[in-house]
């Protein structure tokens, strides 16, 4: 089998104009070779892309020589191999863990602003998202991002990448929200200590936050958010990351934006790790900004807005 270079693969891809061309270069079974336990030998082009997919699920990146634009081939001809290329979910999610050492001016303005509403286990609001602008737990390539067609998987990635059973995640569970609430309550005193030096003239450990919130909701929320982001409230990832603010981003499944079904990528992650990540890949320029639904776990929003649902549990 000839190992194609990135340039050679790109040239072959440029010559694929019809569904029949796809079948010539990818066979009757898409990625049907021995790596995934299939009996149909891979073509040279399949071997090239399979190496790339193994790299993606293994380290979260395509190789530097990969021309990401060539992946759009699988969007254009997804109906040729629908079981492995068509993403069935109408919604796609991304777990985002924002750190205190990332520029957070957006959050300090966005979260305290109005317009949030309760939706299930979250408070939600529409807002802009720029690919790659905020560092996430799941690292990705320059023009490709890891998303998922299972919302619970997105939340778990945002909470803790190292310690969960990917095979059991479907929708956001009550236990996930209890974990968020537990971490906030356990770190309340630490958060309060931050306020003494963040804005000692207005806020301190002894401040009546319920009263302050009624007088100035935005300023009070911003102060609590800043303290939380500096208090290592969500300390995970073996000391490499701290002070995480977990979000779930939600997008409609738009044509020609996502590529590869989670069923296909689960075959590779199961082969590599014995687990399923429920992953799909979003292809977008890093310079583009899109409007998404930002979903903040309810216990966090209720803490930041001095909501009695969680502040009533603080002793």
Protein backbone atom coordinates (compact mmCIF):
# COMPACT_ATOMS: atom_id res chain seq x y z
CA UNK A 1 0.00 0.00 0.00
CA UNK A 2 1.34 3.42 -1.01
CA UNK A 3 1.43 5.96 1.83
CA UNK A 4 0.14 9.20 0.34
CA UNK A 5 1.58 12.51 1.45
CA UNK A 6 -0.74 15.37 2.37
CA UNK A 7 -0.10 17.02 -0.98
CA UNK A 8 -0.76 13.79 -2.89
CA UNK A 9 -3.96 13.20 -0.93
CA UNK A 10 -5.12 16.75 -1.64
CA UNK A 11 -4.55 16.24 -5.35
CA UNK A 12 -6.60 13.04 -5.33
CA UNK A 13 -9.39 14.74 -3.37
CA UNK A 14 -9.54 17.57 -5.91
CA UNK A 15 -10.29 14.97 -8.60
CA UNK A 16 -13.33 13.57 -6.78
CA UNK A 17 -16.35 15.17 -8.44
CA UNK A 18 -19.17 12.62 -8.14
CA UNK A 19 -20.55 10.00 -5.73
CA UNK A 20 -19.12 7.35 -8.05
CA UNK A 21 -15.67 8.90 -7.67
CA UNK A 22 -16.09 8.59 -3.89
CA UNK A 23 -16.82 4.88 -4.18
CA UNK A 24 -13.79 4.40 -6.40
CA UNK A 25 -11.50 5.98 -3.81
CA UNK A 26 -13.20 4.73 -0.61
CA UNK A 27 -14.71 1.40 -1.63
CA UNK A 28 -18.06 -0.14 -0.74
CA UNK A 29 -17.43 0.26 2.99
CA UNK A 30 -16.09 3.57 4.26
CA UNK A 31 -13.00 2.87 6.39
CA UNK A 32 -13.71 -0.83 6.12
CA UNK A 33 -10.14 -1.98 6.64
CA UNK A 34 -8.58 -4.24 9.28
CA UNK A 35 -7.87 -1.48 11.83
CA UNK A 36 -11.58 -1.30 12.63
CA UNK A 37 -12.07 -5.03 12.16
CA UNK A 38 -13.37 -4.86 8.60
CA UNK A 39 -12.61 -7.25 5.76
CA UNK A 40 -12.42 -4.75 2.90
CA UNK A 41 -8.83 -3.52 2.38
CA UNK A 42 -8.46 0.23 2.61
CA UNK A 43 -7.59 2.19 -0.49
CA UNK A 44 -4.55 4.47 -0.46
CA UNK A 45 -6.78 7.48 0.22
CA UNK A 46 -8.59 5.68 3.03
CA UNK A 47 -5.25 4.78 4.60
CA UNK A 48 -4.26 8.45 4.53
CA UNK A 49 -7.44 9.67 6.20
CA UNK A 50 -7.48 6.81 8.67
CA UNK A 51 -4.03 7.84 9.91
CA UNK A 52 -5.40 11.35 10.36
CA UNK A 53 -8.46 10.17 12.28
CA UNK A 54 -6.30 8.02 14.55
CA UNK A 55 -4.15 11.10 15.23
CA UNK A 56 -7.25 13.18 15.93
CA UNK A 57 -8.83 10.85 18.48
CA UNK A 58 -5.44 10.12 20.02
CA UNK A 59 -3.99 13.61 20.52
CA UNK A 60 -6.78 15.98 19.45
CA UNK A 61 -4.95 17.22 16.38
CA UNK A 62 -4.53 16.39 12.76
CA UNK A 63 -0.93 16.24 11.60
CA UNK A 64 0.60 19.64 10.74
CA UNK A 65 0.68 18.78 7.03
CA UNK A 66 -3.06 18.04 6.96
CA UNK A 67 -5.00 20.37 4.68
CA UNK A 68 -8.20 20.74 6.72
CA UNK A 69 -10.10 21.95 3.66
CA UNK A 70 -9.82 18.46 2.21
CA UNK A 71 -12.14 17.22 4.99
CA UNK A 72 -14.95 19.15 3.35
CA UNK A 73 -15.06 16.31 0.83
CA UNK A 74 -16.89 14.28 3.46
CA UNK A 75 -19.50 17.00 3.91
CA UNK A 76 -20.10 17.25 0.17
CA UNK A 77 -20.58 13.51 -0.30
CA UNK A 78 -21.89 12.51 3.13
CA UNK A 79 -24.88 10.68 1.62
CA UNK A 80 -22.58 8.18 -0.11
CA UNK A 81 -21.77 6.67 3.30
CA UNK A 82 -24.61 8.00 5.51
CA UNK A 83 -24.02 5.67 8.47
CA UNK A 84 -20.50 7.02 8.97
CA UNK A 85 -20.70 10.53 7.57
CA UNK A 86 -24.20 11.85 8.32
CA UNK A 87 -24.63 13.47 11.75
CA UNK A 88 -28.17 12.67 12.85
CA UNK A 89 -28.56 15.00 15.83
CA UNK A 90 -30.29 18.33 15.21
CA UNK A 91 -28.17 19.95 17.96
CA UNK A 92 -24.39 19.86 18.52
CA UNK A 93 -22.62 20.78 21.77
CA UNK A 94 -19.13 21.71 22.95
CA UNK A 95 -17.81 21.57 26.48
CA UNK A 96 -15.75 24.63 27.34
CA UNK A 97 -13.69 25.08 30.48
CA UNK A 98 -12.55 28.67 30.86
CA UNK A 99 -9.54 29.38 33.04
CA UNK A 100 -8.61 32.35 35.17
CA UNK A 101 -5.46 32.94 33.12
CA UNK A 102 -7.46 33.38 29.91
CA UNK A 103 -8.64 36.86 28.98
CA UNK A 104 -12.09 36.88 30.54
CA UNK A 105 -13.38 40.38 29.83
CA UNK A 106 -16.12 38.79 27.74
CA UNK A 107 -17.35 36.72 30.68
CA UNK A 108 -17.21 39.63 33.12
CA UNK A 109 -19.54 41.56 30.84
CA UNK A 110 -21.63 38.68 29.48
CA UNK A 111 -22.62 36.80 32.63
CA UNK A 112 -23.70 39.86 34.67
CA UNK A 113 -25.80 41.18 31.77
CA UNK A 114 -29.53 40.53 31.49
CA UNK A 115 -31.30 38.03 29.27
CA UNK A 116 -30.46 34.74 30.99
CA UNK A 117 -33.33 32.28 31.37
CA UNK A 118 -33.70 28.91 33.07
CA UNK A 119 -33.74 25.95 30.70
CA UNK A 120 -33.57 22.52 32.27
CA UNK A 121 -30.34 22.11 34.24
CA UNK A 122 -28.88 25.36 32.89
CA UNK A 123 -29.33 29.07 32.57
CA UNK A 124 -28.98 29.98 28.92
CA UNK A 125 -28.35 33.01 26.75
CA UNK A 126 -27.33 33.57 23.12
CA UNK A 127 -23.97 35.18 22.52
CA UNK A 128 -20.92 35.21 20.23
CA UNK A 129 -18.28 32.49 20.17
CA UNK A 130 -15.02 32.63 18.22
CA UNK A 131 -13.34 29.34 17.46
CA UNK A 132 -10.09 29.02 19.37
CA UNK A 133 -10.54 32.33 21.20
CA UNK A 134 -10.98 30.64 24.57
CA UNK A 135 -8.85 27.70 25.57
CA UNK A 136 -10.82 24.55 26.18
CA UNK A 137 -9.97 21.31 27.96
CA UNK A 138 -10.23 19.36 24.71
CA UNK A 139 -7.50 20.81 22.52
CA UNK A 140 -8.07 20.98 18.79
CA UNK A 141 -6.45 21.91 15.52
CA UNK A 142 -6.34 25.42 14.11
CA UNK A 143 -9.41 25.01 11.88
CA UNK A 144 -11.07 21.99 13.45
CA UNK A 145 -12.80 21.75 16.82
CA UNK A 146 -14.05 18.86 18.88
CA UNK A 147 -17.83 18.99 19.42
CA UNK A 148 -20.30 16.26 20.36
CA UNK A 149 -23.83 15.17 19.52
CA UNK A 150 -24.45 14.21 23.18
CA UNK A 151 -25.00 17.11 25.58
CA UNK A 152 -23.96 15.18 28.69
CA UNK A 153 -20.60 14.42 27.11
CA UNK A 154 -20.00 18.14 26.51
CA UNK A 155 -20.70 18.98 30.14
CA UNK A 156 -18.45 16.23 31.41
CA UNK A 157 -15.59 17.40 29.19
CA UNK A 158 -16.03 20.88 30.63
CA UNK A 159 -16.05 19.58 34.20
CA UNK A 160 -13.28 17.02 34.21
CA UNK A 161 -11.64 15.45 31.21
CA UNK A 162 -9.75 12.77 33.10
CA UNK A 163 -12.31 10.98 35.22
CA UNK A 164 -15.55 9.81 33.65
CA UNK A 165 -17.13 6.91 31.81
CA UNK A 166 -17.71 8.15 28.27
CA UNK A 167 -19.89 5.14 27.51
CA UNK A 168 -22.60 6.14 30.00
CA UNK A 169 -23.11 9.79 29.09
CA UNK A 170 -26.34 10.69 27.33
CA UNK A 171 -27.97 13.82 28.72
CA UNK A 172 -26.88 16.09 31.59
CA UNK A 173 -27.48 14.10 34.74
CA UNK A 174 -28.58 15.24 38.18
CA UNK A 175 -25.33 13.82 39.55
CA UNK A 176 -23.31 16.16 37.28
CA UNK A 177 -25.21 19.14 38.65
CA UNK A 178 -24.75 17.90 42.21
CA UNK A 179 -21.00 17.81 41.56
CA UNK A 180 -21.09 21.44 40.43
CA UNK A 181 -23.12 22.46 43.47
CA UNK A 182 -20.86 20.54 45.83
CA UNK A 183 -17.74 22.24 44.48
CA UNK A 184 -19.26 25.69 44.86
CA UNK A 185 -20.47 25.08 48.42
CA UNK A 186 -17.18 23.49 49.43
CA UNK A 187 -15.25 26.50 48.16
CA UNK A 188 -17.55 29.29 49.32
CA UNK A 189 -15.16 30.48 52.03
CA UNK A 190 -12.26 30.46 49.56
CA UNK A 191 -14.31 32.53 47.12
CA UNK A 192 -15.18 35.01 49.86
CA UNK A 193 -11.50 35.42 50.73
CA UNK A 194 -10.78 36.52 47.15
CA UNK A 195 -13.22 39.39 47.47
CA UNK A 196 -11.19 40.96 50.25
CA UNK A 197 -8.43 41.89 47.83
CA UNK A 198 -10.35 42.02 44.53
CA UNK A 199 -12.52 44.94 45.65
CA UNK A 200 -12.01 45.53 49.34
CA UNK A 201 -13.65 48.96 49.26
CA UNK A 202 -17.07 47.56 48.35
CA UNK A 203 -17.07 43.81 48.95
CA UNK A 204 -15.70 41.69 51.75
CA UNK A 205 -16.36 38.38 53.44
CA UNK A 206 -18.94 40.01 55.72
CA UNK A 207 -20.88 41.81 52.97
CA UNK A 208 -24.62 41.18 52.78
CA UNK A 209 -24.59 39.95 49.20
CA UNK A 210 -28.34 39.51 48.95
CA UNK A 211 -28.78 43.19 49.73
CA UNK A 212 -25.93 44.23 47.44
CA UNK A 213 -27.38 42.18 44.59
CA UNK A 214 -30.74 43.92 44.93
CA UNK A 215 -29.02 47.32 44.73
CA UNK A 216 -26.61 46.51 41.90
CA UNK A 217 -27.06 43.06 40.31
CA UNK A 218 -24.42 43.51 37.61
CA UNK A 219 -21.61 44.72 39.90
CA UNK A 220 -22.32 42.06 42.52
CA UNK A 221 -22.41 39.26 39.97
CA UNK A 222 -19.18 40.50 38.39
CA UNK A 223 -17.41 40.60 41.77
CA UNK A 224 -18.52 37.08 42.67
CA UNK A 225 -17.54 35.82 39.22
CA UNK A 226 -14.08 37.33 39.47
CA UNK A 227 -13.62 35.84 42.93
CA UNK A 228 -14.77 32.43 41.73
CA UNK A 229 -12.42 32.53 38.76
CA UNK A 230 -9.51 33.25 41.11
CA UNK A 231 -10.41 30.80 43.86
CA UNK A 232 -9.53 27.54 42.10
CA UNK A 233 -13.13 26.51 42.59
CA UNK A 234 -12.94 23.79 39.98
CA UNK A 235 -9.44 22.37 40.39
CA UNK A 236 -9.01 19.44 38.03
CA UNK A 237 -6.72 18.06 35.37
CA UNK A 238 -3.84 17.20 37.68
CA UNK A 239 -2.75 20.78 38.48
CA UNK A 240 -2.34 21.70 34.82
CA UNK A 241 -5.58 23.65 34.83
CA UNK A 242 -7.34 25.41 37.68
CA UNK A 243 -10.21 27.78 38.32
CA UNK A 244 -12.35 26.36 35.54
CA UNK A 245 -15.69 27.86 34.57
CA UNK A 246 -17.60 25.06 32.82
CA UNK A 247 -19.90 25.98 29.94
CA UNK A 248 -21.79 24.02 27.34
CA UNK A 249 -22.13 25.68 23.94
CA UNK A 250 -25.04 24.66 21.74
CA UNK A 251 -25.40 25.02 17.97
CA UNK A 252 -27.91 23.83 15.44
CA UNK A 253 -26.49 21.14 13.20
CA UNK A 254 -25.87 23.25 10.11
CA UNK A 255 -25.05 21.86 6.65
CA UNK A 256 -21.36 21.98 5.76
CA UNK A 257 -20.19 22.90 9.25
CA UNK A 258 -19.67 19.53 10.94
CA UNK A 259 -18.05 16.39 9.62
CA UNK A 260 -17.99 12.66 10.50
CA UNK A 261 -20.71 10.95 12.52
CA UNK A 262 -20.10 10.17 16.17
CA UNK A 263 -20.69 6.52 15.26
CA UNK A 264 -17.57 6.57 13.09
CA UNK A 265 -15.38 8.47 15.55
CA UNK A 266 -16.61 6.24 18.39
CA UNK A 267 -15.20 3.28 16.48
CA UNK A 268 -11.78 4.92 16.56
CA UNK A 269 -11.93 6.12 20.18
CA UNK A 270 -13.18 2.70 21.23
CA UNK A 271 -10.27 1.11 19.38
CA UNK A 272 -7.76 3.55 20.91
CA UNK A 273 -9.13 3.84 24.46
CA UNK A 274 -11.90 1.26 24.87
CA UNK A 275 -14.31 4.21 25.30
CA UNK A 276 -16.74 6.28 23.28
CA UNK A 277 -16.38 10.07 23.12
CA UNK A 278 -19.50 10.79 21.04
CA UNK A 279 -17.41 13.26 19.04
CA UNK A 280 -18.05 15.15 15.83
CA UNK A 281 -15.70 17.67 14.22
CA UNK A 282 -16.52 21.26 13.39
CA UNK A 283 -14.65 22.83 10.49
CA UNK A 284 -14.39 26.59 10.72
CA UNK A 285 -11.79 29.33 10.25
CA UNK A 286 -10.34 30.49 13.56
CA UNK A 287 -11.20 34.06 12.60
CA UNK A 288 -14.94 33.40 12.33
CA UNK A 289 -17.43 34.28 15.06
CA UNK A 290 -20.80 32.57 15.37
CA UNK A 291 -23.77 33.01 17.64
CA UNK A 292 -24.24 30.09 20.03
CA UNK A 293 -26.40 29.29 23.02
CA UNK A 294 -24.20 29.63 26.10
CA UNK A 295 -25.35 27.22 28.82
CA UNK A 296 -24.14 27.82 32.37
CA UNK A 297 -24.90 25.10 34.94
CA UNK A 298 -27.72 26.32 37.15
CA UNK A 299 -25.81 26.11 40.48
CA UNK A 300 -23.13 28.48 39.15
CA UNK A 301 -25.60 31.04 37.87
CA UNK A 302 -27.63 30.84 41.08
CA UNK A 303 -24.50 31.38 43.14
CA UNK A 304 -23.40 34.38 41.10
CA UNK A 305 -26.86 35.96 41.32
CA UNK A 306 -27.25 35.24 45.05
CA UNK A 307 -30.23 33.01 44.28
CA UNK A 308 -31.75 31.40 47.36
CA UNK A 309 -31.72 28.00 45.64
CA UNK A 310 -28.03 27.70 46.45
CA UNK A 311 -27.24 30.57 48.83
CA UNK A 312 -29.87 29.19 51.18
CA UNK A 313 -27.63 26.13 51.60
CA UNK A 314 -24.61 28.18 52.65
CA UNK A 315 -24.11 28.05 56.41
